[in-house]
Amino acid sequence: MALIYGVFFVFPIGGADMPVVISLLNSFTGLAAAFGGFLYNNQVMLTGGILVGSAGTILTLAMCKAMNRPLSNVIFGAFGAGAAGGAAASVTGSIKDISITDLAILMNYSKKVIIVPGYGLAVAQAQHVIHELEKILEERGVDVKYAIHPVAGRMPGHMNVLLAESNVSYDKLVEMEEINPDFVNTDVVLVVGANDVVNPAAKTDPSSPIYGMPILDVENAKNIVINKRSMNAGYAGIDNLLFYHPKNSMLFGDAKDVLTKLVNELKQM
């Protein structure tokens, strides 16, 4: 019965809300441990369960705040229903590609570059290559920062941990509220594997299931380059309006492979 209940509890949850639900379920494990400690009169289990449960609850509420939606809306699957219903406006327009050579030239002569990491970066395990790219650009006088969205990846802090693994300096990881005003003065924004967290539909399309979610204002930059494997939709299951933005160019391919070629191209300049 518990297994069936668990399946039906998560079944209506929309794909983009799954990180929130994972955090919520994590808090439930803490509550279960706390109840176990109460039953067995085990103070260690009780204290540990309370800590885990409270931390998971705080994290869940923080993620909901970052997505600008109440927890009840997440649990009852309103997000998934909106996405599946196809209420979002259809996206029309054309996209343009950019070659690795052209991107290398563009970044080499830039003064400020912001990198937006996403789940695609983690899947490709390209964190070390992107740190190498950062170092090459900085050696040439380019100011490089990383824009970190609160729910980028699959869990809060996912991108911070991933980039820390490759020894990226912590002061280069800038949170959404602090980095958004900087985009207007940025020459190039390189989006690597991120999707929903840079989708302008969150601000412009009331019918979109992500409408109201705070996003990174990458469309304000002078040049935008998005690296993705394909044009497939992100975790929310909707098209990204940014793909069709006049200032945007697409760089298709595996993140690690593309960034390695970009680094090699820059080294030859």
Protein backbone atom coordinates (compact mmCIF):
# COMPACT_ATOMS: atom_id res chain seq x y z
CA MET A 1 0.00 0.00 0.00
CA ALA A 2 2.86 2.36 0.80
CA LEU A 3 4.46 1.63 -2.61
CA ILE A 4 1.19 2.29 -4.44
CA TYR A 5 0.65 5.49 -2.48
CA GLY A 6 4.18 6.65 -3.31
CA VAL A 7 3.68 6.06 -7.03
CA PHE A 8 0.37 7.92 -7.10
CA PHE A 9 1.85 10.75 -5.02
CA VAL A 10 4.54 11.56 -7.57
CA PHE A 11 2.67 10.50 -10.72
CA PRO A 12 0.85 13.82 -11.33
CA ILE A 13 3.95 15.92 -10.71
CA GLY A 14 5.19 17.85 -13.75
CA GLY A 15 8.72 17.09 -14.94
CA ALA A 16 10.10 20.54 -14.11
CA ASP A 17 8.81 20.22 -10.55
CA MET A 18 10.55 16.93 -9.83
CA PRO A 19 13.57 18.55 -8.08
CA VAL A 20 11.14 20.18 -5.64
CA VAL A 21 9.40 16.87 -5.00
CA ILE A 22 12.75 15.11 -4.46
CA SER A 23 13.59 17.69 -1.80
CA LEU A 24 10.14 17.26 -0.24
CA LEU A 25 10.51 13.46 -0.14
CA ASN A 26 13.92 13.93 1.43
CA SER A 27 12.30 15.93 4.22
CA PHE A 28 9.79 13.08 4.65
CA THR A 29 12.65 10.65 5.28
CA GLY A 30 13.78 12.89 8.11
CA LEU A 31 10.30 12.91 9.59
CA ALA A 32 10.16 9.12 9.34
CA ALA A 33 13.49 8.86 11.16
CA ALA A 34 12.25 11.28 13.80
CA PHE A 35 9.11 9.21 14.40
CA GLY A 36 11.31 6.10 14.59
CA GLY A 37 13.44 7.78 17.22
CA PHE A 38 10.33 8.68 19.17
CA LEU A 39 9.00 5.11 19.05
CA TYR A 40 12.32 3.52 20.04
CA ASN A 41 13.18 6.27 22.54
CA ASN A 42 16.40 6.92 20.60
CA GLN A 43 17.46 10.53 21.04
CA VAL A 44 20.13 10.37 18.31
CA MET A 45 17.65 9.12 15.71
CA LEU A 46 15.07 11.66 16.84
CA THR A 47 17.50 14.58 16.64
CA GLY A 48 18.94 13.48 13.29
CA GLY A 49 15.47 13.01 11.83
CA ILE A 50 14.37 16.47 12.95
CA LEU A 51 17.46 18.06 11.39
CA VAL A 52 17.03 16.25 8.08
CA GLY A 53 13.29 16.92 7.99
CA SER A 54 13.61 20.62 8.78
CA ALA A 55 16.48 21.10 6.32
CA GLY A 56 14.54 19.37 3.55
CA THR A 57 11.45 21.46 4.26
CA ILE A 58 13.44 24.72 4.21
CA LEU A 59 15.08 23.69 0.93
CA THR A 60 11.71 22.78 -0.59
CA LEU A 61 10.19 26.13 0.34
CA ALA A 62 13.26 27.96 -0.98
CA MET A 63 12.94 26.18 -4.33
CA CYS A 64 9.24 27.05 -4.53
CA LYS A 65 10.09 30.67 -3.82
CA ALA A 66 12.72 30.61 -6.58
CA MET A 67 10.09 29.27 -8.99
CA ASN A 68 7.52 31.80 -7.73
CA ARG A 69 4.92 29.12 -7.06
CA PRO A 70 3.29 27.76 -3.87
CA LEU A 71 4.09 24.25 -2.69
CA SER A 72 0.43 23.22 -3.04
CA ASN A 73 0.59 24.10 -6.73
CA VAL A 74 3.60 21.84 -7.13
CA ILE A 75 2.18 18.87 -5.24
CA PHE A 76 -1.14 18.81 -7.03
CA GLY A 77 0.52 18.80 -10.44
CA ALA A 78 -0.70 22.10 -11.81
CA PHE A 79 2.64 22.51 -13.56
CA GLY A 80 2.41 19.21 -15.36
CA ALA A 81 -1.20 19.81 -16.31
CA GLY A 82 -0.35 23.16 -17.83
CA ALA A 83 2.52 21.79 -19.86
CA ALA A 84 0.65 18.71 -21.03
CA GLY A 85 -2.39 20.76 -21.96
CA GLY A 86 -0.43 22.66 -24.57
CA ALA A 87 -1.73 26.01 -23.36
CA ALA A 88 1.53 27.77 -24.05
CA ALA A 89 1.69 29.80 -27.21
CA SER A 90 3.29 28.12 -30.19
CA VAL A 91 6.77 29.31 -31.08
CA THR A 92 7.49 30.52 -34.59
CA GLY A 93 10.61 31.98 -36.13
CA SER A 94 14.00 30.96 -37.42
CA ILE A 95 17.21 29.98 -35.71
CA LYS A 96 20.79 30.60 -36.75
CA ASP A 97 23.90 28.52 -36.13
CA ILE A 98 27.36 29.67 -35.17
CA SER A 99 30.60 27.86 -35.86
CA ILE A 100 33.19 27.14 -33.20
CA THR A 101 35.68 29.36 -35.03
CA ASP A 102 33.27 32.30 -35.10
CA LEU A 103 32.47 31.83 -31.41
CA ALA A 104 36.16 31.69 -30.54
CA ILE A 105 36.77 34.97 -32.37
CA LEU A 106 33.74 36.56 -30.71
CA MET A 107 34.83 35.53 -27.22
CA ASN A 108 38.49 36.35 -27.81
CA TYR A 109 37.66 40.00 -28.53
CA SER A 110 35.06 40.36 -25.80
CA LYS A 111 35.51 42.32 -22.59
CA LYS A 112 32.91 40.47 -20.54
CA VAL A 113 31.58 36.91 -20.85
CA ILE A 114 28.95 35.23 -18.69
CA ILE A 115 28.58 31.44 -18.71
CA VAL A 116 25.20 29.94 -17.80
CA PRO A 117 25.68 26.29 -16.78
CA GLY A 118 22.82 23.79 -16.87
CA TYR A 119 22.03 20.11 -16.64
CA GLY A 120 23.55 19.48 -20.08
CA LEU A 121 26.93 20.53 -18.70
CA ALA A 122 26.61 17.96 -15.93
CA VAL A 123 25.52 15.17 -18.28
CA ALA A 124 28.50 15.81 -20.56
CA GLN A 125 30.86 16.11 -17.54
CA ALA A 126 32.30 19.23 -19.12
CA GLN A 127 33.00 21.15 -15.91
CA HIS A 128 36.78 20.82 -16.23
CA VAL A 129 36.81 21.95 -19.85
CA ILE A 130 34.67 24.99 -19.12
CA HIS A 131 37.06 25.97 -16.32
CA GLU A 132 39.92 25.74 -18.83
CA LEU A 133 37.94 27.99 -21.17
CA GLU A 134 37.47 30.46 -18.35
CA LYS A 135 41.20 30.54 -17.58
CA ILE A 136 42.17 31.10 -21.23
CA LEU A 137 39.76 34.01 -21.56
CA GLU A 138 40.91 35.59 -18.31
CA GLU A 139 44.54 35.38 -19.41
CA ARG A 140 43.49 37.54 -22.37
CA GLY A 141 41.83 40.16 -20.20
CA VAL A 142 38.25 38.94 -20.48
CA ASP A 143 36.06 39.21 -17.37
CA VAL A 144 34.35 35.81 -16.93
CA LYS A 145 31.55 34.96 -14.51
CA TYR A 146 29.07 32.13 -14.05
CA ALA A 147 25.35 32.89 -13.70
CA ILE A 148 23.76 30.42 -11.26
CA HIS A 149 19.98 30.00 -11.23
CA PRO A 150 18.54 28.67 -7.93
CA VAL A 151 17.02 25.60 -9.61
CA ALA A 152 19.56 25.03 -12.39
CA GLY A 153 20.32 21.35 -12.90
CA ARG A 154 18.28 18.86 -10.93
CA MET A 155 18.73 20.11 -7.37
CA PRO A 156 19.60 23.46 -5.72
CA GLY A 157 23.35 23.84 -5.52
CA HIS A 158 23.90 21.31 -8.33
CA MET A 159 25.88 23.78 -10.47
CA ASN A 160 27.83 25.13 -7.49
CA VAL A 161 29.03 21.65 -6.53
CA LEU A 162 29.74 20.71 -10.14
CA LEU A 163 31.91 23.78 -10.80
CA ALA A 164 33.61 23.55 -7.41
CA GLU A 165 34.74 20.07 -8.48
CA SER A 166 36.74 21.68 -11.29
CA ASN A 167 38.22 24.30 -8.91
CA VAL A 168 36.24 27.25 -10.24
CA SER A 169 36.70 30.14 -7.83
CA TYR A 170 33.62 30.58 -5.64
CA ASP A 171 33.53 34.34 -6.17
CA LYS A 172 32.90 33.74 -9.87
CA LEU A 173 29.63 31.94 -9.14
CA VAL A 174 27.04 34.72 -9.07
CA GLU A 175 23.42 34.18 -8.03
CA MET A 176 20.52 35.20 -10.25
CA GLU A 177 19.54 38.38 -8.40
CA GLU A 178 23.10 39.72 -8.52
CA ILE A 179 23.98 38.72 -12.08
CA ASN A 180 20.80 39.85 -13.88
CA PRO A 181 21.74 43.57 -13.96
CA ASP A 182 25.12 42.64 -15.52
CA PHE A 183 23.73 41.03 -18.66
CA VAL A 184 23.09 44.36 -20.37
CA ASN A 185 26.84 45.12 -20.22
CA THR A 186 27.91 41.62 -21.32
CA ASP A 187 29.41 40.98 -24.75
CA VAL A 188 28.74 37.24 -24.90
CA VAL A 189 26.54 34.92 -22.88
CA LEU A 190 27.34 31.23 -23.34
CA VAL A 191 24.46 29.01 -22.22
CA VAL A 192 25.65 25.43 -21.76
CA GLY A 193 22.86 22.90 -21.35
CA ALA A 194 20.42 25.25 -19.56
CA ASN A 195 16.90 25.67 -20.92
CA ASP A 196 13.89 26.62 -18.79
CA VAL A 197 15.89 28.96 -16.52
CA VAL A 198 16.62 31.25 -19.51
CA ASN A 199 13.26 30.99 -21.29
CA PRO A 200 11.73 34.49 -21.77
CA ALA A 201 8.27 32.89 -21.84
CA ALA A 202 8.41 33.00 -18.04
CA LYS A 203 8.04 36.78 -18.32
CA THR A 204 6.09 37.32 -21.53
CA ASP A 205 3.63 34.44 -22.00
CA PRO A 206 0.85 34.16 -19.37
CA SER A 207 -0.25 30.86 -20.90
CA SER A 208 3.16 29.27 -20.36
CA PRO A 209 3.44 26.74 -17.50
CA ILE A 210 6.61 28.51 -16.30
CA TYR A 211 5.03 31.97 -16.34
CA GLY A 212 6.05 33.92 -13.23
CA MET A 213 9.21 31.90 -12.55
CA PRO A 214 12.22 34.21 -12.12
CA ILE A 215 14.76 33.59 -14.88
CA LEU A 216 18.21 34.75 -15.93
CA ASP A 217 17.86 37.82 -18.17
CA VAL A 218 20.29 36.55 -20.80
CA GLU A 219 18.31 38.16 -23.63
CA ASN A 220 19.69 41.55 -22.49
CA ALA A 221 23.25 40.62 -23.50
CA LYS A 222 24.78 41.79 -26.77
CA ASN A 223 25.33 38.26 -28.08
CA ILE A 224 23.82 34.95 -26.93
CA VAL A 225 25.14 31.49 -27.79
CA ILE A 226 23.28 28.38 -26.66
CA ASN A 227 24.97 25.00 -26.68
CA LYS A 228 22.57 22.06 -26.81
CA ARG A 229 22.54 18.59 -28.30
CA SER A 230 19.30 19.33 -30.19
CA MET A 231 16.23 21.55 -30.26
CA ASN A 232 14.43 19.29 -27.79
CA ALA A 233 12.39 20.94 -25.04
CA GLY A 234 13.76 21.27 -21.53
CA TYR A 235 12.56 19.75 -18.27
CA ALA A 236 9.28 21.71 -18.41
CA GLY A 237 8.46 20.21 -21.81
CA ILE A 238 8.01 23.52 -23.65
CA ASP A 239 9.86 25.32 -26.43
CA ASN A 240 12.38 27.98 -25.49
CA LEU A 241 11.62 31.40 -27.01
CA LEU A 242 15.27 32.32 -26.60
CA PHE A 243 16.22 29.94 -29.42
CA TYR A 244 14.48 32.28 -31.88
CA HIS A 245 15.79 35.54 -30.44
CA PRO A 246 17.53 37.77 -33.05
CA LYS A 247 20.66 38.01 -30.89
CA ASN A 248 20.89 34.26 -30.30
CA SER A 249 22.94 31.65 -32.15
CA MET A 250 22.81 27.88 -31.63
CA LEU A 251 25.90 25.72 -31.20
CA PHE A 252 24.78 22.11 -31.44
CA GLY A 253 26.72 19.19 -30.02
CA ASP A 254 27.86 17.47 -26.85
CA ALA A 255 29.01 20.12 -24.37
CA LYS A 256 32.36 18.51 -23.60
CA ASP A 257 33.21 17.95 -27.26
CA VAL A 258 32.14 21.46 -28.30
CA LEU A 259 33.96 23.19 -25.44
CA THR A 260 37.13 21.16 -26.07
CA LYS A 261 37.14 22.29 -29.70
CA LEU A 262 36.46 25.87 -28.60
CA VAL A 263 39.40 25.79 -26.17
CA ASN A 264 41.70 24.41 -28.88
CA GLU A 265 40.54 27.09 -31.29
CA LEU A 266 41.27 29.84 -28.77
CA LYS A 267 44.72 28.43 -28.07
CA GLN A 268 45.60 28.81 -31.76
CA MET A 269 44.71 32.52 -31.79
